[in-house]
Amino acid sequence: MGYRIKVLLGCWFAVASAAAMYAASTAAISAAPVDAKTIADHLSSVKSMSGDFVQSGPNAERTRGRFFLQRPGKIRFNYAGQSGISVIADGKSLVVYNRKLKTSRLYALSKTPLKLLLDNKVDFSGNRVKSIRDDGAQVTVKLADRSTFGNSSISMVFDSKSLDLRRWSLTDEKGLTTTVTISNVKQGVRAPEGTFVIDYTANREFNTTTK
């Protein structure tokens, strides 16, 4: 009798262990993080969108506004209130207008982390992907490309189920981080005519006369 009990217990333990291993394996498969390429392909498929945004700066300041995005390379932020700020990328350059301070700063889009967000074919591959983390509710992808824009980096946060973009954080070469959270997003929208136009002549004349 004792021998039979030992055999039965041994069989039960083996079955229980196998079931536990199977359950763990199944959980690991279902909880496996989505890969970076899948996220990049989904983001690339969104050719245009618009919505509201809240920007949180390194000094805890918060501003709101509306944004428009059109792939490749185009985005516009219209800041609400009295800030007088608008940011425009036309596919080649990015300009930051500040009507309140009467400043206008022009940058090559290829030298800013926003390029990674605005490329026609978003590329989350190679050494530019520094980390990817899936906590079950959202996926965070951190990217940097030292050869293109130095020590700046961008972290993008996506919904784990829909893979839709929720927010991104830009960290500059000084380590200062600005986070943009988007909401009320509509995809496949047509932006008003002139949304992404940069007046290069006005920008050049302004900076020439203010030096």
N, C-alpha and C. Protein backbone atom coordinates (compact mmCIF):
# COMPACT_ATOMS: atom_id res chain seq x y z
N MET A 1 0.83 -1.22 0.00
CA MET A 1 0.00 0.00 0.00
C MET A 1 0.85 1.25 0.00
N GLY A 2 1.89 1.23 0.85
CA GLY A 2 2.76 2.40 0.90
C GLY A 2 3.42 2.68 -0.42
N TYR A 3 3.82 1.60 -1.12
CA TYR A 3 4.48 1.75 -2.41
C TYR A 3 3.52 2.36 -3.42
N ARG A 4 2.25 1.87 -3.43
CA ARG A 4 1.25 2.38 -4.37
C ARG A 4 0.95 3.84 -4.12
N ILE A 5 0.90 4.23 -2.84
CA ILE A 5 0.66 5.64 -2.52
C ILE A 5 1.81 6.51 -3.04
N LYS A 6 3.02 6.00 -2.87
CA LYS A 6 4.18 6.76 -3.36
C LYS A 6 4.13 6.93 -4.88
N VAL A 7 3.70 5.82 -5.55
CA VAL A 7 3.59 5.89 -7.02
C VAL A 7 2.54 6.90 -7.43
N LEU A 8 1.36 6.85 -6.76
CA LEU A 8 0.27 7.78 -7.07
C LEU A 8 0.70 9.23 -6.80
N LEU A 9 1.36 9.43 -5.69
CA LEU A 9 1.82 10.78 -5.37
C LEU A 9 2.84 11.26 -6.40
N GLY A 10 3.70 10.31 -6.81
CA GLY A 10 4.69 10.66 -7.82
C GLY A 10 4.04 11.04 -9.13
N CYS A 11 3.02 10.27 -9.53
CA CYS A 11 2.30 10.59 -10.77
C CYS A 11 1.59 11.93 -10.67
N TRP A 12 0.95 12.16 -9.52
CA TRP A 12 0.24 13.43 -9.32
C TRP A 12 1.20 14.60 -9.39
N PHE A 13 2.38 14.43 -8.76
CA PHE A 13 3.37 15.50 -8.77
C PHE A 13 3.85 15.80 -10.19
N ALA A 14 4.03 14.71 -10.97
CA ALA A 14 4.48 14.88 -12.34
C ALA A 14 3.44 15.62 -13.17
N VAL A 15 2.16 15.19 -13.00
CA VAL A 15 1.07 15.86 -13.74
C VAL A 15 0.94 17.32 -13.32
N ALA A 16 0.99 17.55 -11.99
CA ALA A 16 0.86 18.92 -11.48
C ALA A 16 2.01 19.79 -11.98
N SER A 17 3.21 19.22 -12.01
CA SER A 17 4.38 19.98 -12.47
C SER A 17 4.24 20.32 -13.95
N ALA A 18 3.76 19.33 -14.74
CA ALA A 18 3.59 19.56 -16.18
C ALA A 18 2.54 20.64 -16.41
N ALA A 19 1.43 20.57 -15.62
CA ALA A 19 0.37 21.57 -15.77
C ALA A 19 0.88 22.95 -15.41
N ALA A 20 1.68 23.01 -14.36
CA ALA A 20 2.23 24.29 -13.94
C ALA A 20 3.16 24.85 -15.00
N MET A 21 3.99 23.94 -15.58
CA MET A 21 4.92 24.38 -16.62
C MET A 21 4.15 24.86 -17.85
N TYR A 22 3.07 24.15 -18.20
CA TYR A 22 2.25 24.55 -19.34
C TYR A 22 1.59 25.90 -19.11
N ALA A 23 1.06 26.07 -17.89
CA ALA A 23 0.41 27.34 -17.55
C ALA A 23 1.40 28.48 -17.61
N ALA A 24 2.59 28.25 -17.08
CA ALA A 24 3.62 29.28 -17.10
C ALA A 24 4.02 29.61 -18.52
N SER A 25 4.13 28.53 -19.37
CA SER A 25 4.49 28.74 -20.77
C SER A 25 3.42 29.53 -21.50
N THR A 26 2.14 29.17 -21.25
CA THR A 26 1.03 29.88 -21.87
C THR A 26 1.01 31.34 -21.44
N ALA A 27 1.22 31.58 -20.14
CA ALA A 27 1.23 32.96 -19.64
C ALA A 27 2.36 33.74 -20.28
N ALA A 28 3.51 33.09 -20.44
CA ALA A 28 4.66 33.78 -21.04
C ALA A 28 4.37 34.16 -22.47
N ILE A 29 3.67 33.25 -23.21
CA ILE A 29 3.34 33.54 -24.60
C ILE A 29 2.34 34.69 -24.68
N SER A 30 1.28 34.65 -23.85
CA SER A 30 0.24 35.68 -23.91
C SER A 30 0.76 37.02 -23.41
N ALA A 31 1.77 36.97 -22.53
CA ALA A 31 2.30 38.22 -21.98
C ALA A 31 3.54 38.70 -22.73
N ALA A 32 3.90 37.99 -23.81
CA ALA A 32 5.10 38.36 -24.55
C ALA A 32 4.96 39.78 -25.08
N PRO A 33 5.97 40.62 -24.89
CA PRO A 33 5.88 42.01 -25.34
C PRO A 33 5.84 42.10 -26.86
N VAL A 34 5.07 43.05 -27.36
CA VAL A 34 5.00 43.26 -28.80
C VAL A 34 6.36 43.75 -29.28
N ASP A 35 6.74 43.33 -30.47
CA ASP A 35 8.08 43.71 -30.94
C ASP A 35 8.06 45.11 -31.55
N ALA A 36 9.23 45.71 -31.60
CA ALA A 36 9.37 47.10 -32.04
C ALA A 36 8.91 47.29 -33.48
N LYS A 37 9.18 46.31 -34.34
CA LYS A 37 8.81 46.45 -35.76
C LYS A 37 7.30 46.52 -35.92
N THR A 38 6.56 45.73 -35.15
CA THR A 38 5.10 45.76 -35.23
C THR A 38 4.56 47.14 -34.87
N ILE A 39 5.14 47.73 -33.82
CA ILE A 39 4.72 49.06 -33.40
C ILE A 39 5.07 50.08 -34.48
N ALA A 40 6.27 49.98 -35.02
CA ALA A 40 6.72 50.93 -36.05
C ALA A 40 5.84 50.83 -37.29
N ASP A 41 5.49 49.62 -37.68
CA ASP A 41 4.64 49.44 -38.86
C ASP A 41 3.26 50.04 -38.64
N HIS A 42 2.73 49.86 -37.42
CA HIS A 42 1.41 50.44 -37.12
C HIS A 42 1.46 51.96 -37.15
N LEU A 43 2.51 52.53 -36.55
CA LEU A 43 2.65 53.99 -36.55
C LEU A 43 2.82 54.51 -37.97
N SER A 44 3.57 53.79 -38.79
CA SER A 44 3.78 54.20 -40.18
C SER A 44 2.47 54.22 -40.97
N SER A 45 1.55 53.33 -40.60
CA SER A 45 0.28 53.22 -41.32
C SER A 45 -0.64 54.41 -41.08
N VAL A 46 -0.38 55.17 -40.01
CA VAL A 46 -1.18 56.36 -39.71
C VAL A 46 -0.56 57.53 -40.46
N LYS A 47 -1.13 57.86 -41.60
CA LYS A 47 -0.54 58.88 -42.45
C LYS A 47 -0.89 60.31 -42.04
N SER A 48 -1.98 60.45 -41.31
CA SER A 48 -2.34 61.79 -40.83
C SER A 48 -3.22 61.66 -39.60
N MET A 49 -3.14 62.65 -38.73
CA MET A 49 -4.01 62.68 -37.56
C MET A 49 -4.01 64.08 -36.96
N SER A 50 -4.99 64.33 -36.12
CA SER A 50 -5.09 65.60 -35.41
C SER A 50 -5.69 65.33 -34.05
N GLY A 51 -5.54 66.30 -33.15
CA GLY A 51 -6.10 66.12 -31.82
C GLY A 51 -5.65 67.21 -30.88
N ASP A 52 -5.91 67.00 -29.61
CA ASP A 52 -5.49 67.93 -28.57
C ASP A 52 -4.19 67.44 -27.94
N PHE A 53 -3.44 68.36 -27.36
CA PHE A 53 -2.24 67.94 -26.67
C PHE A 53 -2.05 68.75 -25.39
N VAL A 54 -1.35 68.13 -24.44
CA VAL A 54 -0.91 68.80 -23.23
C VAL A 54 0.60 68.61 -23.16
N GLN A 55 1.32 69.71 -23.06
CA GLN A 55 2.77 69.64 -22.98
C GLN A 55 3.23 69.96 -21.57
N SER A 56 4.04 69.07 -21.01
CA SER A 56 4.61 69.27 -19.68
C SER A 56 6.10 69.50 -19.82
N GLY A 57 6.57 70.66 -19.35
CA GLY A 57 7.96 71.02 -19.50
C GLY A 57 8.83 70.59 -18.34
N PRO A 58 10.14 70.78 -18.46
CA PRO A 58 11.08 70.35 -17.42
C PRO A 58 10.90 71.08 -16.09
N ASN A 59 10.25 72.24 -16.12
CA ASN A 59 10.01 73.00 -14.89
C ASN A 59 8.57 72.86 -14.40
N ALA A 60 7.93 71.77 -14.83
CA ALA A 60 6.55 71.44 -14.42
C ALA A 60 5.51 72.38 -15.02
N GLU A 61 5.91 73.21 -15.99
CA GLU A 61 4.93 74.06 -16.65
C GLU A 61 4.09 73.22 -17.61
N ARG A 62 2.83 73.61 -17.76
CA ARG A 62 1.91 72.86 -18.62
C ARG A 62 1.23 73.81 -19.59
N THR A 63 1.21 73.43 -20.85
CA THR A 63 0.51 74.20 -21.88
C THR A 63 -0.33 73.24 -22.71
N ARG A 64 -1.37 73.80 -23.31
CA ARG A 64 -2.30 73.00 -24.11
C ARG A 64 -2.42 73.55 -25.51
N GLY A 65 -3.03 72.76 -26.37
CA GLY A 65 -3.26 73.24 -27.73
C GLY A 65 -3.78 72.15 -28.64
N ARG A 66 -3.70 72.43 -29.95
CA ARG A 66 -4.12 71.49 -30.98
C ARG A 66 -2.92 71.13 -31.85
N PHE A 67 -2.94 69.92 -32.37
CA PHE A 67 -1.86 69.51 -33.25
C PHE A 67 -2.41 68.87 -34.52
N PHE A 68 -1.61 68.93 -35.57
CA PHE A 68 -1.89 68.27 -36.83
C PHE A 68 -0.63 67.56 -37.27
N LEU A 69 -0.77 66.33 -37.75
CA LEU A 69 0.37 65.56 -38.22
C LEU A 69 0.05 64.99 -39.59
N GLN A 70 1.02 65.09 -40.48
CA GLN A 70 0.88 64.49 -41.81
C GLN A 70 2.22 63.90 -42.21
N ARG A 71 2.20 62.63 -42.47
CA ARG A 71 3.42 61.93 -42.85
C ARG A 71 3.65 62.05 -44.36
N PRO A 72 4.90 62.26 -44.82
CA PRO A 72 6.12 62.29 -44.02
C PRO A 72 6.54 63.71 -43.61
N GLY A 73 7.03 63.83 -42.40
CA GLY A 73 7.77 65.00 -41.97
C GLY A 73 7.01 66.25 -41.57
N LYS A 74 5.67 66.19 -41.50
CA LYS A 74 4.93 67.42 -41.25
C LYS A 74 4.16 67.34 -39.93
N ILE A 75 4.29 68.39 -39.15
CA ILE A 75 3.54 68.48 -37.90
C ILE A 75 3.38 69.95 -37.54
N ARG A 76 2.32 70.24 -36.83
CA ARG A 76 2.10 71.61 -36.35
C ARG A 76 1.45 71.56 -34.98
N PHE A 77 1.99 72.37 -34.06
CA PHE A 77 1.41 72.56 -32.74
C PHE A 77 0.97 74.00 -32.61
N ASN A 78 -0.31 74.21 -32.35
CA ASN A 78 -0.83 75.53 -32.06
C ASN A 78 -1.13 75.61 -30.57
N TYR A 79 -0.34 76.39 -29.86
CA TYR A 79 -0.49 76.49 -28.41
C TYR A 79 -1.62 77.45 -28.06
N ALA A 80 -2.45 77.05 -27.11
CA ALA A 80 -3.59 77.86 -26.70
C ALA A 80 -3.16 78.98 -25.76
N GLY A 81 -4.09 79.89 -25.50
CA GLY A 81 -3.84 80.93 -24.52
C GLY A 81 -2.94 82.04 -25.04
N GLN A 82 -2.19 82.62 -24.12
CA GLN A 82 -1.38 83.80 -24.44
C GLN A 82 0.08 83.46 -24.71
N SER A 83 0.40 82.20 -24.88
CA SER A 83 1.80 81.83 -25.08
C SER A 83 2.35 82.38 -26.39
N GLY A 84 1.50 82.45 -27.42
CA GLY A 84 1.95 82.97 -28.70
C GLY A 84 2.91 82.05 -29.43
N ILE A 85 2.90 80.77 -29.09
CA ILE A 85 3.86 79.84 -29.67
C ILE A 85 3.19 78.92 -30.68
N SER A 86 3.88 78.68 -31.77
CA SER A 86 3.49 77.64 -32.71
C SER A 86 4.75 76.96 -33.22
N VAL A 87 4.65 75.66 -33.44
CA VAL A 87 5.77 74.87 -33.93
C VAL A 87 5.33 74.21 -35.23
N ILE A 88 6.14 74.37 -36.28
CA ILE A 88 5.78 73.84 -37.60
C ILE A 88 6.96 73.08 -38.19
N ALA A 89 6.67 71.88 -38.69
CA ALA A 89 7.65 71.13 -39.49
C ALA A 89 7.03 70.90 -40.86
N ASP A 90 7.78 71.22 -41.91
CA ASP A 90 7.23 71.12 -43.26
C ASP A 90 7.82 69.96 -44.06
N GLY A 91 8.53 69.08 -43.40
CA GLY A 91 9.15 67.96 -44.07
C GLY A 91 10.64 68.13 -44.25
N LYS A 92 11.09 69.38 -44.18
CA LYS A 92 12.51 69.69 -44.34
C LYS A 92 13.07 70.39 -43.12
N SER A 93 12.30 71.34 -42.62
CA SER A 93 12.75 72.16 -41.49
C SER A 93 11.70 72.17 -40.39
N LEU A 94 12.12 72.61 -39.23
CA LEU A 94 11.22 72.82 -38.09
C LEU A 94 11.45 74.21 -37.56
N VAL A 95 10.37 74.97 -37.40
CA VAL A 95 10.50 76.33 -36.90
C VAL A 95 9.68 76.49 -35.63
N VAL A 96 10.20 77.24 -34.68
CA VAL A 96 9.51 77.55 -33.44
C VAL A 96 9.26 79.05 -33.42
N TYR A 97 7.99 79.43 -33.55
CA TYR A 97 7.60 80.83 -33.49
C TYR A 97 7.16 81.17 -32.07
N ASN A 98 7.61 82.29 -31.58
CA ASN A 98 7.15 82.81 -30.30
C ASN A 98 6.81 84.27 -30.51
N ARG A 99 5.54 84.52 -30.78
CA ARG A 99 5.11 85.89 -31.06
C ARG A 99 5.23 86.77 -29.83
N LYS A 100 5.07 86.20 -28.65
CA LYS A 100 5.15 86.97 -27.42
C LYS A 100 6.57 87.50 -27.20
N LEU A 101 7.57 86.65 -27.42
CA LEU A 101 8.96 87.05 -27.24
C LEU A 101 9.58 87.58 -28.53
N LYS A 102 8.80 87.52 -29.61
CA LYS A 102 9.26 87.99 -30.92
C LYS A 102 10.52 87.26 -31.36
N THR A 103 10.45 85.92 -31.29
CA THR A 103 11.58 85.11 -31.73
C THR A 103 11.09 84.07 -32.74
N SER A 104 11.99 83.65 -33.60
CA SER A 104 11.72 82.63 -34.59
C SER A 104 12.99 81.83 -34.78
N ARG A 105 12.93 80.53 -34.50
CA ARG A 105 14.12 79.70 -34.58
C ARG A 105 13.89 78.56 -35.56
N LEU A 106 14.80 78.41 -36.50
CA LEU A 106 14.68 77.43 -37.56
C LEU A 106 15.72 76.32 -37.38
N TYR A 107 15.29 75.06 -37.52
CA TYR A 107 16.18 73.91 -37.36
C TYR A 107 15.98 72.95 -38.52
N ALA A 108 17.01 72.19 -38.84
CA ALA A 108 16.85 71.09 -39.80
C ALA A 108 16.09 69.97 -39.12
N LEU A 109 14.99 69.53 -39.73
CA LEU A 109 14.16 68.49 -39.11
C LEU A 109 14.98 67.22 -38.88
N SER A 110 15.90 66.93 -39.77
CA SER A 110 16.71 65.71 -39.66
C SER A 110 17.61 65.72 -38.43
N LYS A 111 17.79 66.88 -37.82
CA LYS A 111 18.65 66.99 -36.64
C LYS A 111 17.85 67.03 -35.35
N THR A 112 16.56 66.74 -35.43
CA THR A 112 15.70 66.73 -34.24
C THR A 112 15.12 65.33 -34.04
N PRO A 113 14.86 64.92 -32.79
CA PRO A 113 14.27 63.61 -32.53
C PRO A 113 12.88 63.43 -33.15
N LEU A 114 12.18 64.54 -33.46
CA LEU A 114 10.86 64.42 -34.05
C LEU A 114 10.90 63.71 -35.40
N LYS A 115 12.07 63.72 -36.04
CA LYS A 115 12.20 63.02 -37.31
C LYS A 115 11.81 61.55 -37.17
N LEU A 116 12.15 60.93 -36.03
CA LEU A 116 11.82 59.52 -35.81
C LEU A 116 10.33 59.28 -35.75
N LEU A 117 9.59 60.30 -35.34
CA LEU A 117 8.13 60.20 -35.24
C LEU A 117 7.47 60.46 -36.59
N LEU A 118 8.11 61.27 -37.44
CA LEU A 118 7.47 61.77 -38.64
C LEU A 118 7.90 61.10 -39.94
N ASP A 119 8.87 60.21 -39.88
CA ASP A 119 9.30 59.52 -41.10
C ASP A 119 8.14 58.78 -41.75
N ASN A 120 8.16 58.71 -43.08
CA ASN A 120 7.11 57.99 -43.79
C ASN A 120 7.11 56.52 -43.41
N LYS A 121 8.30 55.96 -43.28
CA LYS A 121 8.47 54.59 -42.82
C LYS A 121 9.21 54.64 -41.50
N VAL A 122 8.46 54.58 -40.41
CA VAL A 122 9.06 54.68 -39.08
C VAL A 122 9.97 53.48 -38.86
N ASP A 123 11.18 53.75 -38.39
CA ASP A 123 12.18 52.71 -38.24
C ASP A 123 12.58 52.54 -36.78
N PHE A 124 12.10 51.45 -36.19
CA PHE A 124 12.50 51.10 -34.82
C PHE A 124 13.42 49.88 -34.89
N SER A 125 14.59 50.07 -35.45
CA SER A 125 15.49 48.94 -35.59
C SER A 125 16.92 49.37 -35.30
N GLY A 126 17.80 48.39 -35.18
CA GLY A 126 19.21 48.67 -35.00
C GLY A 126 19.52 49.30 -33.67
N ASN A 127 20.61 50.05 -33.66
CA ASN A 127 21.10 50.64 -32.42
C ASN A 127 20.27 51.82 -31.93
N ARG A 128 19.37 52.33 -32.78
CA ARG A 128 18.58 53.49 -32.35
C ARG A 128 17.55 53.12 -31.29
N VAL A 129 17.16 51.85 -31.21
CA VAL A 129 16.24 51.39 -30.17
C VAL A 129 17.04 51.09 -28.91
N LYS A 130 16.86 51.92 -27.90
CA LYS A 130 17.61 51.76 -26.66
C LYS A 130 16.90 50.85 -25.66
N SER A 131 15.58 50.83 -25.71
CA SER A 131 14.84 49.95 -24.82
C SER A 131 13.39 49.86 -25.28
N ILE A 132 12.73 48.77 -24.90
CA ILE A 132 11.30 48.61 -25.15
C ILE A 132 10.71 47.90 -23.94
N ARG A 133 9.65 48.46 -23.39
CA ARG A 133 9.06 47.94 -22.16
C ARG A 133 7.55 47.84 -22.30
N ASP A 134 7.00 46.69 -21.99
CA ASP A 134 5.56 46.45 -22.06
C ASP A 134 5.07 46.07 -20.67
N ASP A 135 4.24 46.94 -20.06
CA ASP A 135 3.74 46.66 -18.72
C ASP A 135 2.32 46.09 -18.74
N GLY A 136 1.86 45.74 -19.93
CA GLY A 136 0.52 45.17 -20.05
C GLY A 136 -0.52 46.19 -20.47
N ALA A 137 -0.33 47.43 -20.07
CA ALA A 137 -1.26 48.50 -20.43
C ALA A 137 -0.68 49.38 -21.54
N GLN A 138 0.62 49.56 -21.50
CA GLN A 138 1.25 50.40 -22.50
C GLN A 138 2.66 49.90 -22.81
N VAL A 139 3.11 50.25 -24.00
CA VAL A 139 4.45 49.89 -24.46
C VAL A 139 5.26 51.17 -24.61
N THR A 140 6.44 51.21 -24.01
CA THR A 140 7.31 52.37 -24.10
C THR A 140 8.55 52.02 -24.91
N VAL A 141 8.79 52.78 -25.95
CA VAL A 141 9.96 52.57 -26.81
C VAL A 141 10.85 53.81 -26.71
N LYS A 142 12.09 53.60 -26.29
CA LYS A 142 13.04 54.69 -26.20
C LYS A 142 14.01 54.60 -27.36
N LEU A 143 14.18 55.73 -28.06
CA LEU A 143 15.05 55.76 -29.23
C LEU A 143 16.04 56.91 -29.14
N ALA A 144 17.19 56.70 -29.73
CA ALA A 144 18.20 57.74 -29.83
C ALA A 144 19.08 57.43 -31.03
N ASP A 145 19.63 58.46 -31.61
CA ASP A 145 20.51 58.30 -32.77
C ASP A 145 21.61 59.36 -32.68
N ARG A 146 22.68 59.00 -32.01
CA ARG A 146 23.75 59.96 -31.73
C ARG A 146 24.33 60.56 -33.01
N SER A 147 24.41 59.76 -34.06
CA SER A 147 25.01 60.25 -35.30
C SER A 147 24.16 61.32 -35.97
N THR A 148 22.86 61.34 -35.63
CA THR A 148 21.95 62.30 -36.26
C THR A 148 21.70 63.52 -35.39
N PHE A 149 21.32 63.30 -34.11
CA PHE A 149 21.00 64.46 -33.26
C PHE A 149 21.63 64.36 -31.88
N GLY A 150 22.88 63.89 -31.84
CA GLY A 150 23.68 63.97 -30.63
C GLY A 150 23.09 63.22 -29.46
N ASN A 151 23.06 63.88 -28.31
CA ASN A 151 22.62 63.24 -27.07
C ASN A 151 21.12 63.35 -26.82
N SER A 152 20.37 63.89 -27.75
CA SER A 152 18.92 63.97 -27.58
C SER A 152 18.30 62.59 -27.80
N SER A 153 17.14 62.37 -27.19
CA SER A 153 16.45 61.10 -27.35
C SER A 153 14.94 61.32 -27.29
N ILE A 154 14.20 60.31 -27.72
CA ILE A 154 12.75 60.38 -27.67
C ILE A 154 12.21 59.07 -27.16
N SER A 155 11.23 59.14 -26.25
CA SER A 155 10.54 57.96 -25.75
C SER A 155 9.08 58.06 -26.17
N MET A 156 8.58 57.03 -26.83
CA MET A 156 7.20 57.02 -27.29
C MET A 156 6.40 55.98 -26.51
N VAL A 157 5.19 56.33 -26.14
CA VAL A 157 4.33 55.44 -25.36
C VAL A 157 3.10 55.09 -26.20
N PHE A 158 2.84 53.78 -26.33
CA PHE A 158 1.74 53.29 -27.15
C PHE A 158 0.80 52.45 -26.29
N ASP A 159 -0.47 52.44 -26.68
CA ASP A 159 -1.44 51.57 -26.04
C ASP A 159 -1.11 50.12 -26.39
N SER A 160 -1.07 49.23 -25.40
CA SER A 160 -0.66 47.85 -25.64
C SER A 160 -1.60 47.11 -26.58
N LYS A 161 -2.89 47.43 -26.53
CA LYS A 161 -3.86 46.70 -27.34
C LYS A 161 -3.99 47.28 -28.75
N SER A 162 -4.22 48.57 -28.85
CA SER A 162 -4.44 49.19 -30.16
C SER A 162 -3.13 49.59 -30.84
N LEU A 163 -2.07 49.72 -30.06
CA LEU A 163 -0.75 50.21 -30.52
C LEU A 163 -0.79 51.67 -30.96
N ASP A 164 -1.87 52.38 -30.61
CA ASP A 164 -1.96 53.80 -30.95
C ASP A 164 -1.03 54.61 -30.06
N LEU A 165 -0.47 55.66 -30.63
CA LEU A 165 0.43 56.54 -29.90
C LEU A 165 -0.35 57.33 -28.87
N ARG A 166 0.17 57.40 -27.65
CA ARG A 166 -0.47 58.13 -26.56
C ARG A 166 0.32 59.38 -26.14
N ARG A 167 1.64 59.26 -26.10
CA ARG A 167 2.45 60.42 -25.74
C ARG A 167 3.90 60.14 -26.12
N TRP A 168 4.67 61.22 -26.10
CA TRP A 168 6.11 61.07 -26.32
C TRP A 168 6.85 62.09 -25.46
N SER A 169 8.08 61.76 -25.14
CA SER A 169 8.92 62.62 -24.32
C SER A 169 10.24 62.88 -25.04
N LEU A 170 10.59 64.14 -25.16
CA LEU A 170 11.85 64.53 -25.79
C LEU A 170 12.83 64.95 -24.69
N THR A 171 14.00 64.34 -24.69
CA THR A 171 15.05 64.71 -23.74
C THR A 171 16.20 65.31 -24.53
N ASP A 172 16.55 66.56 -24.21
CA ASP A 172 17.59 67.23 -24.98
C ASP A 172 18.98 66.89 -24.45
N GLU A 173 19.98 67.52 -25.07
CA GLU A 173 21.37 67.21 -24.72
C GLU A 173 21.73 67.64 -23.31
N LYS A 174 20.90 68.51 -22.71
CA LYS A 174 21.12 68.95 -21.33
C LYS A 174 20.39 68.06 -20.32
N GLY A 175 19.67 67.08 -20.82
CA GLY A 175 18.94 66.18 -19.94
C GLY A 175 17.57 66.69 -19.54
N LEU A 176 17.11 67.77 -20.18
CA LEU A 176 15.79 68.33 -19.87
C LEU A 176 14.73 67.64 -20.71
N THR A 177 13.64 67.24 -20.08
CA THR A 177 12.62 66.45 -20.75
C THR A 177 11.31 67.22 -20.89
N THR A 178 10.75 67.16 -22.08
CA THR A 178 9.44 67.73 -22.36
C THR A 178 8.54 66.61 -22.85
N THR A 179 7.36 66.49 -22.22
CA THR A 179 6.44 65.41 -22.56
C THR A 179 5.18 65.97 -23.21
N VAL A 180 4.76 65.34 -24.29
CA VAL A 180 3.54 65.73 -24.99
C VAL A 180 2.56 64.56 -24.94
N THR A 181 1.40 64.79 -24.34
CA THR A 181 0.35 63.78 -24.25
C THR A 181 -0.79 64.17 -25.17
N ILE A 182 -1.23 63.25 -26.02
CA ILE A 182 -2.26 63.59 -27.00
C ILE A 182 -3.57 62.89 -26.65
N SER A 183 -4.67 63.52 -27.05
CA SER A 183 -6.01 62.98 -26.77
C SER A 183 -6.97 63.44 -27.86
N ASN A 184 -8.18 62.86 -27.84
CA ASN A 184 -9.20 63.19 -28.85
C ASN A 184 -8.63 63.09 -30.27
N VAL A 185 -7.84 62.04 -30.48
CA VAL A 185 -7.13 61.89 -31.74
C VAL A 185 -8.06 61.35 -32.83
N LYS A 186 -7.96 61.98 -34.01
CA LYS A 186 -8.67 61.50 -35.20
C LYS A 186 -7.63 61.18 -36.27
N GLN A 187 -7.75 60.01 -36.85
CA GLN A 187 -6.82 59.61 -37.90
C GLN A 187 -7.43 59.81 -39.28
N GLY A 188 -6.56 59.95 -40.27
CA GLY A 188 -7.02 60.10 -41.64
C GLY A 188 -7.70 61.42 -41.92
N VAL A 189 -7.27 62.47 -41.21
CA VAL A 189 -7.89 63.79 -41.39
C VAL A 189 -7.08 64.63 -42.36
N ARG A 190 -7.73 65.60 -42.95
CA ARG A 190 -7.05 66.53 -43.84
C ARG A 190 -6.87 67.86 -43.12
N ALA A 191 -5.63 68.30 -42.98
CA ALA A 191 -5.34 69.56 -42.30
C ALA A 191 -5.71 70.74 -43.21
N PRO A 192 -6.11 71.87 -42.61
CA PRO A 192 -6.41 73.05 -43.41
C PRO A 192 -5.24 73.45 -44.29
N GLU A 193 -5.53 74.02 -45.44
CA GLU A 193 -4.49 74.44 -46.37
C GLU A 193 -3.54 75.44 -45.68
N GLY A 194 -2.26 75.26 -45.87
CA GLY A 194 -1.27 76.15 -45.29
C GLY A 194 -0.82 75.78 -43.89
N THR A 195 -1.36 74.68 -43.36
CA THR A 195 -1.04 74.29 -41.98
C THR A 195 0.46 74.09 -41.77
N PHE A 196 1.13 73.52 -42.75
CA PHE A 196 2.53 73.15 -42.58
C PHE A 196 3.49 74.05 -43.36
N VAL A 197 3.04 75.22 -43.71
CA VAL A 197 3.87 76.14 -44.49
C VAL A 197 4.76 76.96 -43.58
N ILE A 198 6.05 77.00 -43.88
CA ILE A 198 7.00 77.85 -43.17
C ILE A 198 7.38 79.02 -44.07
N ASP A 199 7.28 80.21 -43.55
CA ASP A 199 7.66 81.41 -44.31
C ASP A 199 9.16 81.65 -44.10
N TYR A 200 9.97 81.09 -44.99
CA TYR A 200 11.42 81.19 -44.84
C TYR A 200 11.92 82.62 -44.99
N THR A 201 11.30 83.36 -45.88
CA THR A 201 11.71 84.75 -46.08
C THR A 201 11.49 85.58 -44.83
N ALA A 202 10.30 85.43 -44.24
CA ALA A 202 9.99 86.17 -43.02
C ALA A 202 10.91 85.75 -41.88
N ASN A 203 11.19 84.47 -41.79
CA ASN A 203 12.08 83.99 -40.73
C ASN A 203 13.48 84.57 -40.88
N ARG A 204 13.99 84.59 -42.13
CA ARG A 204 15.32 85.13 -42.38
C ARG A 204 15.38 86.63 -42.11
N GLU A 205 14.37 87.33 -42.56
CA GLU A 205 14.36 88.79 -42.35
C GLU A 205 14.23 89.13 -40.87
N PHE A 206 13.41 88.37 -40.17
CA PHE A 206 13.23 88.64 -38.74
C PHE A 206 14.54 88.47 -37.98
N ASN A 207 15.22 87.37 -38.23
CA ASN A 207 16.46 87.10 -37.51
C ASN A 207 17.59 88.02 -37.94
N THR A 208 17.52 88.51 -39.18
CA THR A 208 18.53 89.47 -39.63
C THR A 208 18.35 90.82 -38.95
N THR A 209 17.09 91.25 -38.84
CA THR A 209 16.83 92.57 -38.25
C THR A 209 16.95 92.58 -36.74
N THR A 210 16.93 91.39 -36.09
CA THR A 210 16.99 91.37 -34.62
C THR A 210 18.39 91.08 -34.10
N LYS A 211 19.36 90.88 -34.99
CA LYS A 211 20.72 90.62 -34.53
C LYS A 211 21.40 91.92 -34.14
